[in-house]
């Protein structure tokens, strides 16, 4: 490891919510089907060094 901050790979995350009663339209000839699924709770764990070096570089590790 060079100890240099990361210079590539950008990830953006957006959490969106549709209004109550919203129905996804048919996806037609794409071969995809929308259907209700059970909800799953996801847990994310972020890790860093004791001196917070990764976050100081503007990065995250999960």
PDB file of N, CA and C in Angstrom:
ATOM      1  N   UNK A   1       0.834  -1.182   0.000  1.00  0.00           N
ATOM      2  CA  UNK A   1       0.000   0.000   0.000  1.00  0.00           C
ATOM      3  C   UNK A   1       0.870   1.233   0.000  1.00  0.00           C
ATOM      4  N   UNK A   2       0.470   2.213  -0.788  1.00  0.00           N
ATOM      5  CA  UNK A   2       1.279   3.419  -0.904  1.00  0.00           C
ATOM      6  C   UNK A   2       0.959   4.450   0.164  1.00  0.00           C
ATOM      7  N   UNK A   3      -0.182   4.322   0.815  1.00  0.00           N
ATOM      8  CA  UNK A   3      -0.577   5.325   1.797  1.00  0.00           C
ATOM      9  C   UNK A   3      -1.235   6.531   1.166  1.00  0.00           C
ATOM     10  N   UNK A   4      -1.466   6.489  -0.145  1.00  0.00           N
ATOM     11  CA  UNK A   4      -2.105   7.601  -0.845  1.00  0.00           C
ATOM     12  C   UNK A   4      -3.618   7.450  -0.799  1.00  0.00           C
ATOM     13  N   UNK A   5      -4.334   8.569  -0.761  1.00  0.00           N
ATOM     14  CA  UNK A   5      -5.791   8.498  -0.801  1.00  0.00           C
ATOM     15  C   UNK A   5      -6.284   7.906  -2.120  1.00  0.00           C
ATOM     16  N   UNK A   6      -7.456   7.308  -2.091  1.00  0.00           N
ATOM     17  CA  UNK A   6      -8.062   6.773  -3.308  1.00  0.00           C
ATOM     18  C   UNK A   6      -8.373   7.911  -4.269  1.00  0.00           C
ATOM     19  N   UNK A   7      -8.223   7.652  -5.557  1.00  0.00           N
ATOM     20  CA  UNK A   7      -8.466   8.705  -6.549  1.00  0.00           C
ATOM     21  C   UNK A   7      -9.541   8.329  -7.554  1.00  0.00           C
ATOM     22  N   UNK A   8     -10.192   7.172  -7.413  1.00  0.00           N
ATOM     23  CA  UNK A   8     -11.222   6.780  -8.368  1.00  0.00           C
ATOM     24  C   UNK A   8     -12.356   6.071  -7.648  1.00  0.00           C
ATOM     25  N   UNK A   9     -13.359   5.703  -8.413  1.00  0.00           N
ATOM     26  CA  UNK A   9     -14.556   5.022  -7.930  1.00  0.00           C
ATOM     27  C   UNK A   9     -15.407   5.936  -7.063  1.00  0.00           C
ATOM     28  N   UNK A  10     -16.524   6.332  -7.604  1.00  0.00           N
ATOM     29  CA  UNK A  10     -17.466   7.195  -6.905  1.00  0.00           C
ATOM     30  C   UNK A  10     -18.789   6.461  -6.808  1.00  0.00           C
ATOM     31  N   UNK A  11     -19.332   6.399  -5.626  1.00  0.00           N
ATOM     32  CA  UNK A  11     -20.632   5.758  -5.421  1.00  0.00           C
ATOM     33  C   UNK A  11     -21.570   6.781  -4.830  1.00  0.00           C
ATOM     34  N   UNK A  12     -22.744   6.893  -5.413  1.00  0.00           N
ATOM     35  CA  UNK A  12     -23.779   7.765  -4.856  1.00  0.00           C
ATOM     36  C   UNK A  12     -24.995   6.912  -4.569  1.00  0.00           C
ATOM     37  N   UNK A  13     -25.627   7.207  -3.482  1.00  0.00           N
ATOM     38  CA  UNK A  13     -26.787   6.428  -3.069  1.00  0.00           C
ATOM     39  C   UNK A  13     -27.951   7.373  -2.849  1.00  0.00           C
ATOM     40  N   UNK A  14     -29.094   7.013  -3.391  1.00  0.00           N
ATOM     41  CA  UNK A  14     -30.312   7.795  -3.188  1.00  0.00           C
ATOM     42  C   UNK A  14     -31.391   6.851  -2.670  1.00  0.00           C
ATOM     43  N   UNK A  15     -32.067   7.260  -1.634  1.00  0.00           N
ATOM     44  CA  UNK A  15     -33.169   6.474  -1.095  1.00  0.00           C
ATOM     45  C   UNK A  15     -34.458   7.197  -1.489  1.00  0.00           C
ATOM     46  N   UNK A  16     -35.278   6.528  -2.258  1.00  0.00           N
ATOM     47  CA  UNK A  16     -36.507   7.115  -2.777  1.00  0.00           C
ATOM     48  C   UNK A  16     -37.700   6.329  -2.259  1.00  0.00           C
ATOM     49  N   UNK A  17     -38.824   7.008  -2.146  1.00  0.00           N
ATOM     50  CA  UNK A  17     -40.034   6.340  -1.689  1.00  0.00           C
ATOM     51  C   UNK A  17     -41.188   6.776  -2.574  1.00  0.00           C
ATOM     52  N   UNK A  18     -41.939   5.813  -3.081  1.00  0.00           N
ATOM     53  CA  UNK A  18     -43.110   6.103  -3.900  1.00  0.00           C
ATOM     54  C   UNK A  18     -44.299   6.403  -2.993  1.00  0.00           C
ATOM     55  N   UNK A  19     -45.247   7.200  -3.479  1.00  0.00           N
ATOM     56  CA  UNK A  19     -46.429   7.492  -2.662  1.00  0.00           C
ATOM     57  C   UNK A  19     -47.272   6.238  -2.431  1.00  0.00           C
ATOM     58  N   UNK A  20     -48.068   6.254  -1.373  1.00  0.00           N
ATOM     59  CA  UNK A  20     -48.951   5.131  -1.060  1.00  0.00           C
ATOM     60  C   UNK A  20     -49.837   4.834  -2.264  1.00  0.00           C
ATOM     61  N   UNK A  21     -50.015   3.577  -2.562  1.00  0.00           N
ATOM     62  CA  UNK A  21     -50.868   3.166  -3.669  1.00  0.00           C
ATOM     63  C   UNK A  21     -50.171   3.144  -5.018  1.00  0.00           C
ATOM     64  N   UNK A  22     -48.926   3.547  -5.076  1.00  0.00           N
ATOM     65  CA  UNK A  22     -48.201   3.552  -6.349  1.00  0.00           C
ATOM     66  C   UNK A  22     -48.049   2.131  -6.860  1.00  0.00           C
ATOM     67  N   UNK A  23     -48.309   1.927  -8.132  1.00  0.00           N
ATOM     68  CA  UNK A  23     -48.129   0.619  -8.760  1.00  0.00           C
ATOM     69  C   UNK A  23     -47.128   0.770  -9.893  1.00  0.00           C
ATOM     70  N   UNK A  24     -46.123  -0.043  -9.894  1.00  0.00           N
ATOM     71  CA  UNK A  24     -45.137  -0.033 -10.960  1.00  0.00           C
ATOM     72  C   UNK A  24     -45.812  -0.497 -12.242  1.00  0.00           C
ATOM     73  N   UNK A  25     -45.656   0.243 -13.348  1.00  0.00           N
ATOM     74  CA  UNK A  25     -46.308  -0.172 -14.596  1.00  0.00           C
ATOM     75  C   UNK A  25     -45.703  -1.472 -15.124  1.00  0.00           C
ATOM     76  N   UNK A  26     -46.463  -2.157 -15.970  1.00  0.00           N
ATOM     77  CA  UNK A  26     -45.959  -3.374 -16.594  1.00  0.00           C
ATOM     78  C   UNK A  26     -44.679  -3.058 -17.350  1.00  0.00           C
ATOM     79  N   UNK A  27     -43.748  -3.966 -17.297  1.00  0.00           N
ATOM     80  CA  UNK A  27     -42.454  -3.738 -17.916  1.00  0.00           C
ATOM     81  C   UNK A  27     -42.379  -4.305 -19.329  1.00  0.00           C
ATOM     82  N   UNK A  28     -43.512  -4.777 -19.826  1.00  0.00           N
ATOM     83  CA  UNK A  28     -43.646  -5.147 -21.228  1.00  0.00           C
ATOM     84  C   UNK A  28     -42.689  -6.205 -21.723  1.00  0.00           C
ATOM     85  N   UNK A  29     -42.132  -5.946 -22.892  1.00  0.00           N
ATOM     86  CA  UNK A  29     -41.316  -6.919 -23.592  1.00  0.00           C
ATOM     87  C   UNK A  29     -39.925  -7.121 -23.030  1.00  0.00           C
ATOM     88  N   UNK A  30     -39.609  -6.510 -21.901  1.00  0.00           N
ATOM     89  CA  UNK A  30     -38.276  -6.673 -21.337  1.00  0.00           C
ATOM     90  C   UNK A  30     -38.087  -8.028 -20.663  1.00  0.00           C
ATOM     91  N   UNK A  31     -39.161  -8.787 -20.530  1.00  0.00           N
ATOM     92  CA  UNK A  31     -39.059 -10.077 -19.869  1.00  0.00           C
ATOM     93  C   UNK A  31     -39.018  -9.974 -18.356  1.00  0.00           C
ATOM     94  N   UNK A  32     -39.341  -8.802 -17.809  1.00  0.00           N
ATOM     95  CA  UNK A  32     -39.323  -8.583 -16.364  1.00  0.00           C
ATOM     96  C   UNK A  32     -40.743  -8.480 -15.839  1.00  0.00           C
ATOM     97  N   UNK A  33     -40.945  -8.917 -14.618  1.00  0.00           N
ATOM     98  CA  UNK A  33     -42.253  -8.852 -13.982  1.00  0.00           C
ATOM     99  C   UNK A  33     -42.090  -8.222 -12.610  1.00  0.00           C
ATOM    100  N   UNK A  34     -42.925  -7.226 -12.299  1.00  0.00           N
ATOM    101  CA  UNK A  34     -42.911  -6.608 -10.971  1.00  0.00           C
ATOM    102  C   UNK A  34     -43.851  -7.400 -10.071  1.00  0.00           C
ATOM    103  N   UNK A  35     -43.398  -7.730  -8.880  1.00  0.00           N
ATOM    104  CA  UNK A  35     -44.255  -8.429  -7.928  1.00  0.00           C
ATOM    105  C   UNK A  35     -43.855  -8.031  -6.519  1.00  0.00           C
ATOM    106  N   UNK A  36     -44.790  -8.169  -5.610  1.00  0.00           N
ATOM    107  CA  UNK A  36     -44.523  -7.843  -4.215  1.00  0.00           C
ATOM    108  C   UNK A  36     -43.556  -8.865  -3.631  1.00  0.00           C
ATOM    109  N   UNK A  37     -42.654  -8.386  -2.798  1.00  0.00           N
ATOM    110  CA  UNK A  37     -41.688  -9.243  -2.118  1.00  0.00           C
ATOM    111  C   UNK A  37     -41.732  -8.925  -0.635  1.00  0.00           C
ATOM    112  N   UNK A  38     -41.249  -9.855   0.164  1.00  0.00           N
ATOM    113  CA  UNK A  38     -41.183  -9.577   1.595  1.00  0.00           C
ATOM    114  C   UNK A  38     -40.082  -8.555   1.854  1.00  0.00           C
ATOM    115  N   UNK A  39     -40.262  -7.771   2.886  1.00  0.00           N
ATOM    116  CA  UNK A  39     -39.254  -6.775   3.251  1.00  0.00           C
ATOM    117  C   UNK A  39     -38.077  -7.456   3.925  1.00  0.00           C
ATOM    118  N   UNK A  40     -36.894  -6.922   3.680  1.00  0.00           N
ATOM    119  CA  UNK A  40     -35.688  -7.419   4.332  1.00  0.00           C
ATOM    120  C   UNK A  40     -34.961  -6.245   4.955  1.00  0.00           C
ATOM    121  N   UNK A  41     -34.517  -6.435   6.160  1.00  0.00           N
ATOM    122  CA  UNK A  41     -33.737  -5.398   6.843  1.00  0.00           C
ATOM    123  C   UNK A  41     -32.260  -5.635   6.545  1.00  0.00           C
ATOM    124  N   UNK A  42     -31.597  -4.609   6.046  1.00  0.00           N
ATOM    125  CA  UNK A  42     -30.178  -4.700   5.736  1.00  0.00           C
ATOM    126  C   UNK A  42     -29.391  -3.912   6.767  1.00  0.00           C
ATOM    127  N   UNK A  43     -28.261  -4.429   7.164  1.00  0.00           N
ATOM    128  CA  UNK A  43     -27.397  -3.765   8.133  1.00  0.00           C
ATOM    129  C   UNK A  43     -26.030  -3.580   7.485  1.00  0.00           C
ATOM    130  N   UNK A  44     -25.506  -2.377   7.568  1.00  0.00           N
ATOM    131  CA  UNK A  44     -24.197  -2.073   7.004  1.00  0.00           C
ATOM    132  C   UNK A  44     -23.241  -1.720   8.127  1.00  0.00           C
ATOM    133  N   UNK A  45     -22.045  -2.256   8.064  1.00  0.00           N
ATOM    134  CA  UNK A  45     -21.013  -1.963   9.053  1.00  0.00           C
ATOM    135  C   UNK A  45     -19.858  -1.273   8.337  1.00  0.00           C
ATOM    136  N   UNK A  46     -19.524  -0.079   8.778  1.00  0.00           N
ATOM    137  CA  UNK A  46     -18.382   0.650   8.240  1.00  0.00           C
ATOM    138  C   UNK A  46     -17.199   0.452   9.181  1.00  0.00           C
ATOM    139  N   UNK A  47     -16.017   0.260   8.624  1.00  0.00           N
ATOM    140  CA  UNK A  47     -14.815   0.079   9.433  1.00  0.00           C
ATOM    141  C   UNK A  47     -13.775   1.123   9.052  1.00  0.00           C
ATOM    142  N   UNK A  48     -12.893   1.418   9.971  1.00  0.00           N
ATOM    143  CA  UNK A  48     -11.831   2.388   9.739  1.00  0.00           C
ATOM    144  C   UNK A  48     -10.688   2.075  10.697  1.00  0.00           C
ATOM    145  N   UNK A  49      -9.593   2.765  10.540  1.00  0.00           N
ATOM    146  CA  UNK A  49      -8.460   2.624  11.446  1.00  0.00           C
ATOM    147  C   UNK A  49      -8.752   3.417  12.715  1.00  0.00           C
ATOM    148  N   UNK A  50      -8.047   3.158  13.809  1.00  0.00           N
ATOM    149  CA  UNK A  50      -8.291   3.914  15.047  1.00  0.00           C
ATOM    150  C   UNK A  50      -8.134   5.433  14.877  1.00  0.00           C
ATOM    151  N   UNK A  51      -7.282   5.865  13.947  1.00  0.00           N
ATOM    152  CA  UNK A  51      -7.097   7.311  13.748  1.00  0.00           C
ATOM    153  C   UNK A  51      -7.988   7.868  12.628  1.00  0.00           C
ATOM    154  N   UNK A  52      -8.974   7.093  12.172  1.00  0.00           N
ATOM    155  CA  UNK A  52      -9.949   7.492  11.152  1.00  0.00           C
ATOM    156  C   UNK A  52      -9.297   7.874   9.823  1.00  0.00           C
ATOM    157  N   UNK A  53      -8.247   7.196   9.476  1.00  0.00           N
ATOM    158  CA  UNK A  53      -7.490   7.489   8.256  1.00  0.00           C
ATOM    159  C   UNK A  53      -8.343   7.347   6.994  1.00  0.00           C
ATOM    160  N   UNK A  54      -9.161   6.318   6.921  1.00  0.00           N
ATOM    161  CA  UNK A  54      -9.952   6.081   5.709  1.00  0.00           C
ATOM    162  C   UNK A  54     -10.946   7.212   5.484  1.00  0.00           C
ATOM    163  N   UNK A  55     -11.659   7.617   6.518  1.00  0.00           N
ATOM    164  CA  UNK A  55     -12.627   8.701   6.359  1.00  0.00           C
ATOM    165  C   UNK A  55     -11.926  10.031   6.074  1.00  0.00           C
ATOM    166  N   UNK A  56     -10.750  10.247   6.633  1.00  0.00           N
ATOM    167  CA  UNK A  56     -10.003  11.481   6.330  1.00  0.00           C
ATOM    168  C   UNK A  56      -9.609  11.538   4.859  1.00  0.00           C
ATOM    169  N   UNK A  57      -9.416  10.384   4.238  1.00  0.00           N
ATOM    170  CA  UNK A  57      -9.111  10.336   2.807  1.00  0.00           C
ATOM    171  C   UNK A  57     -10.361  10.578   1.961  1.00  0.00           C
ATOM    172  N   UNK A  58     -11.514  10.695   2.616  1.00  0.00           N
ATOM    173  CA  UNK A  58     -12.761  10.882   1.875  1.00  0.00           C
ATOM    174  C   UNK A  58     -13.328   9.577   1.349  1.00  0.00           C
ATOM    175  N   UNK A  59     -12.967   8.473   1.996  1.00  0.00           N
ATOM    176  CA  UNK A  59     -13.408   7.146   1.549  1.00  0.00           C
ATOM    177  C   UNK A  59     -14.163   6.447   2.669  1.00  0.00           C
ATOM    178  N   UNK A  60     -14.779   5.347   2.327  1.00  0.00           N
ATOM    179  CA  UNK A  60     -15.400   4.508   3.345  1.00  0.00           C
ATOM    180  C   UNK A  60     -15.169   3.056   2.969  1.00  0.00           C
ATOM    181  N   UNK A  61     -15.184   2.205   3.967  1.00  0.00           N
ATOM    182  CA  UNK A  61     -14.992   0.775   3.781  1.00  0.00           C
ATOM    183  C   UNK A  61     -16.084   0.069   4.557  1.00  0.00           C
ATOM    184  N   UNK A  62     -16.888  -0.703   3.824  1.00  0.00           N
ATOM    185  CA  UNK A  62     -17.950  -1.436   4.502  1.00  0.00           C
ATOM    186  C   UNK A  62     -17.932  -2.876   4.116  1.00  0.00           C
TER     187      UNK A  62
END
